[in-house]
Amino acid sequence: MSTYKLTYFKGRGRAELVRLVFVAAGVPYEDVRVEMSAWPALKPSAPFGQLPMLEVDGVKLCQSITMARYLARKFNLAGKTELDQARADMIVDCIEDTIKPLLAFAFEKDEARKAELKTKYVGEQLPNYLTLLEGIVKTNNGGDGFLVGDGLTWADLSVLTTYDWLKMAGIEAEFAKHPKLDALRQRVAKLPKVAEWLAKRPVTDF
């Protein structure tokens, strides 16, 4: 049996989708959370000098989406057919596009520029992305099941991490304007293994 070690800072951030895949699959892993102050010493050992970092039997991987996709395929959470897998990948990529502008204003140091970027994101970009995702939800079983096929995939789990990002930015209310998408989020959050994790995971700032 393979061993897994996930290293990230003390937050949900870019590691949470990977954690959720482990949780949904019921696969144990070592969840290492490091202080920011420890990062300079650790950085040279990380591929491309970044976290999160996943070690599978000692082999190191970086890039959170790559890690989550690898684990989803290994744990049968990627989609049952090749076409389903492609659709799940498409949705996760779309969600990445949804989050990137949020990160742009979240890490912007100039306050005027930050406000400008946030206004554009909340007023234009986010509603557009969420509307597109709402449409995707509706194409599968009328929006009353999962995003792809008839079972849970990592694409469904990525909806939870999207909500987390929006909540951290104080704009999670936008989700409620897209009822099928929000209902999917709530269904996934109530799955027993996922619900248990959400209830016990560390409370963090990001």
Protein backbone atom coordinates (compact mmCIF):
# COMPACT_ATOMS: atom_id res chain seq x y z
CA MET A 1 0.00 0.00 0.00
CA SER A 2 1.31 3.45 -0.93
CA THR A 3 2.07 6.06 1.70
CA TYR A 4 1.13 9.70 1.29
CA LYS A 5 2.50 12.85 2.89
CA LEU A 6 0.96 16.23 2.12
CA THR A 7 2.89 19.33 3.15
CA TYR A 8 1.40 22.82 3.18
CA PHE A 9 1.12 25.89 5.35
CA LYS A 10 -1.32 26.09 8.27
CA GLY A 11 -4.36 26.75 6.13
CA ARG A 12 -6.82 25.28 3.66
CA GLY A 13 -5.75 27.25 0.60
CA ARG A 14 -4.29 25.31 -2.29
CA ALA A 15 -4.06 22.05 -0.34
CA GLU A 16 -7.71 21.65 0.57
CA LEU A 17 -8.88 20.01 -2.65
CA VAL A 18 -6.15 17.40 -2.23
CA ARG A 19 -7.25 16.82 1.36
CA LEU A 20 -10.87 16.45 0.27
CA VAL A 21 -9.95 13.79 -2.28
CA PHE A 22 -8.20 11.81 0.45
CA VAL A 23 -11.18 12.31 2.76
CA ALA A 24 -13.82 11.28 0.21
CA ALA A 25 -11.78 8.21 -0.73
CA GLY A 26 -11.24 7.25 2.89
CA VAL A 27 -7.49 6.96 2.33
CA PRO A 28 -5.14 7.85 5.21
CA TYR A 29 -2.35 10.35 4.66
CA GLU A 30 0.05 12.45 6.69
CA ASP A 31 -1.17 16.04 6.82
CA VAL A 32 1.90 18.16 7.57
CA ARG A 33 1.25 21.86 8.23
CA VAL A 34 4.26 24.11 8.52
CA GLU A 35 4.75 27.61 9.85
CA MET A 36 5.58 30.31 7.34
CA SER A 37 8.83 30.82 9.21
CA ALA A 38 9.87 27.24 8.41
CA TRP A 39 9.34 27.65 4.68
CA PRO A 40 12.74 29.11 3.66
CA ALA A 41 14.55 26.04 4.98
CA LEU A 42 12.05 23.66 3.38
CA LYS A 43 11.79 25.42 0.02
CA PRO A 44 14.92 23.93 -1.62
CA SER A 45 13.54 20.41 -1.14
CA ALA A 46 10.24 21.15 -2.91
CA PRO A 47 9.84 20.64 -6.68
CA PHE A 48 9.76 24.11 -8.27
CA GLY A 49 10.11 25.59 -4.78
CA GLN A 50 6.44 25.71 -3.90
CA LEU A 51 3.76 24.24 -1.66
CA PRO A 52 1.62 22.24 -1.43
CA MET A 53 3.85 19.23 -1.95
CA LEU A 54 2.65 15.64 -2.07
CA GLU A 55 5.01 12.73 -1.45
CA VAL A 56 3.87 9.35 -2.77
CA ASP A 57 6.15 6.61 -1.53
CA GLY A 58 8.85 9.27 -1.27
CA VAL A 59 8.34 10.69 -4.76
CA LYS A 60 7.58 14.42 -4.60
CA LEU A 61 4.88 16.15 -6.62
CA CYS A 62 3.83 19.78 -6.70
CA GLN A 63 0.99 21.74 -8.34
CA SER A 64 -2.22 21.21 -6.39
CA ILE A 65 -4.44 20.40 -9.38
CA THR A 66 -1.95 17.83 -10.66
CA MET A 67 -1.93 16.18 -7.21
CA ALA A 68 -5.71 16.17 -6.88
CA ARG A 69 -6.18 14.78 -10.40
CA TYR A 70 -3.62 12.03 -9.79
CA LEU A 71 -5.30 11.00 -6.54
CA ALA A 72 -8.80 11.23 -8.02
CA ARG A 73 -7.83 8.82 -10.78
CA LYS A 74 -6.11 6.49 -8.34
CA PHE A 75 -9.10 6.47 -5.96
CA ASN A 76 -11.85 6.25 -8.62
CA LEU A 77 -13.03 9.83 -8.13
CA ALA A 78 -12.09 11.11 -11.59
CA GLY A 79 -15.10 9.85 -13.56
CA LYS A 80 -16.07 6.38 -14.73
CA THR A 81 -15.35 6.86 -18.43
CA GLU A 82 -12.66 8.75 -20.31
CA LEU A 83 -15.27 11.27 -21.44
CA ASP A 84 -16.49 11.74 -17.86
CA GLN A 85 -12.90 12.26 -16.78
CA ALA A 86 -12.44 14.90 -19.46
CA ARG A 87 -15.61 16.67 -18.32
CA ALA A 88 -14.47 16.59 -14.70
CA ASP A 89 -11.09 18.03 -15.74
CA MET A 90 -12.87 20.74 -17.74
CA ILE A 91 -14.98 21.76 -14.75
CA VAL A 92 -12.00 21.88 -12.40
CA ASP A 93 -10.11 24.02 -14.93
CA CYS A 94 -13.10 26.36 -15.16
CA ILE A 95 -13.17 26.61 -11.38
CA GLU A 96 -9.47 27.48 -11.43
CA ASP A 97 -10.32 30.31 -13.81
CA THR A 98 -12.98 31.41 -11.32
CA ILE A 99 -10.51 31.59 -8.44
CA LYS A 100 -7.48 33.18 -10.10
CA PRO A 101 -8.92 36.74 -10.26
CA LEU A 102 -9.87 36.43 -6.57
CA LEU A 103 -6.29 35.58 -5.68
CA ALA A 104 -5.12 38.53 -7.75
CA PHE A 105 -6.96 41.05 -5.59
CA ALA A 106 -6.45 39.11 -2.36
CA PHE A 107 -2.66 39.44 -2.68
CA GLU A 108 -2.61 42.93 -4.20
CA LYS A 109 -0.73 45.30 -1.90
CA ASP A 110 -1.92 48.58 -3.40
CA GLU A 111 -5.26 49.29 -1.70
CA ALA A 112 -6.72 51.30 -4.56
CA ARG A 113 -5.82 48.61 -7.08
CA LYS A 114 -7.15 45.92 -4.73
CA ALA A 115 -10.51 47.68 -4.49
CA GLU A 116 -10.65 48.08 -8.27
CA LEU A 117 -9.91 44.40 -8.89
CA LYS A 118 -12.41 43.25 -6.26
CA THR A 119 -15.17 45.44 -7.68
CA LYS A 120 -14.61 44.02 -11.16
CA TYR A 121 -14.50 40.47 -9.82
CA VAL A 122 -17.68 40.70 -7.74
CA GLY A 123 -19.59 42.73 -10.30
CA GLU A 124 -18.53 41.05 -13.55
CA GLN A 125 -16.19 38.08 -13.45
CA LEU A 126 -17.63 36.01 -10.58
CA PRO A 127 -21.28 36.23 -11.68
CA ASN A 128 -20.27 35.15 -15.18
CA TYR A 129 -18.26 32.15 -13.96
CA LEU A 130 -20.94 31.04 -11.50
CA THR A 131 -23.63 31.34 -14.17
CA LEU A 132 -21.58 29.12 -16.47
CA LEU A 133 -21.08 26.58 -13.68
CA GLU A 134 -24.80 26.67 -12.88
CA GLY A 135 -25.47 25.77 -16.50
CA ILE A 136 -23.03 22.86 -16.33
CA VAL A 137 -24.72 21.54 -13.18
CA LYS A 138 -28.10 21.55 -14.94
CA THR A 139 -26.84 19.49 -17.88
CA ASN A 140 -26.37 16.40 -15.70
CA ASN A 141 -29.57 14.82 -14.34
CA GLY A 142 -31.26 18.18 -14.25
CA GLY A 143 -28.79 19.46 -11.71
CA ASP A 144 -30.09 17.22 -8.93
CA GLY A 145 -27.17 14.78 -8.71
CA PHE A 146 -23.48 15.29 -9.30
CA LEU A 147 -21.54 17.30 -11.87
CA VAL A 148 -20.43 14.29 -13.91
CA GLY A 149 -22.13 10.93 -14.32
CA ASP A 150 -24.00 9.40 -11.41
CA GLY A 151 -21.31 9.52 -8.73
CA LEU A 152 -19.03 11.83 -6.80
CA THR A 153 -15.93 13.13 -8.59
CA TRP A 154 -13.19 15.54 -7.70
CA ALA A 155 -15.07 18.16 -9.69
CA ASP A 156 -17.83 18.10 -7.06
CA LEU A 157 -15.24 18.46 -4.32
CA SER A 158 -13.77 21.47 -6.10
CA VAL A 159 -17.11 23.23 -5.68
CA LEU A 160 -16.54 23.09 -1.92
CA THR A 161 -13.11 24.66 -2.21
CA THR A 162 -14.55 27.39 -4.44
CA TYR A 163 -17.04 28.26 -1.72
CA ASP A 164 -14.19 28.31 0.81
CA TRP A 165 -12.27 30.82 -1.28
CA LEU A 166 -15.31 33.05 -1.68
CA LYS A 167 -16.07 32.84 2.03
CA MET A 168 -12.51 33.88 2.87
CA ALA A 169 -13.06 36.94 0.68
CA GLY A 170 -16.45 37.66 2.29
CA ILE A 171 -18.40 37.19 -0.94
CA GLU A 172 -19.84 33.70 -0.49
CA ALA A 173 -23.39 35.10 -0.74
CA GLU A 174 -22.94 35.07 -4.52
CA PHE A 175 -23.32 31.29 -4.41
CA ALA A 176 -26.93 31.53 -3.24
CA LYS A 177 -27.83 33.33 -6.46
CA HIS A 178 -27.17 30.08 -8.33
CA PRO A 179 -29.54 27.55 -6.70
CA LYS A 180 -28.49 24.34 -8.47
CA LEU A 181 -24.82 25.03 -7.84
CA ASP A 182 -25.43 25.94 -4.21
CA ALA A 183 -27.61 22.85 -3.70
CA LEU A 184 -24.82 20.70 -5.12
CA ARG A 185 -22.36 22.28 -2.70
CA GLN A 186 -24.65 21.48 0.21
CA ARG A 187 -25.21 17.88 -0.94
CA VAL A 188 -21.50 17.22 -1.23
CA ALA A 189 -20.84 18.85 2.14
CA LYS A 190 -23.37 16.48 3.76
CA LEU A 191 -21.74 13.29 2.48
CA PRO A 192 -20.72 11.44 5.68
CA LYS A 193 -16.93 11.40 5.20
CA VAL A 194 -16.88 14.95 3.89
CA ALA A 195 -19.18 16.25 6.64
CA GLU A 196 -16.99 14.64 9.29
CA TRP A 197 -13.91 16.35 7.87
CA LEU A 198 -15.58 19.75 7.57
CA ALA A 199 -16.64 19.52 11.21
CA LYS A 200 -13.23 18.62 12.56
CA ARG A 201 -10.72 20.30 10.24
CA PRO A 202 -8.58 23.02 11.81
CA VAL A 203 -10.05 26.51 11.79
CA THR A 204 -7.65 28.67 9.81
CA ASP A 205 -7.45 32.15 8.32
CA PHE A 206 -7.08 30.95 4.74
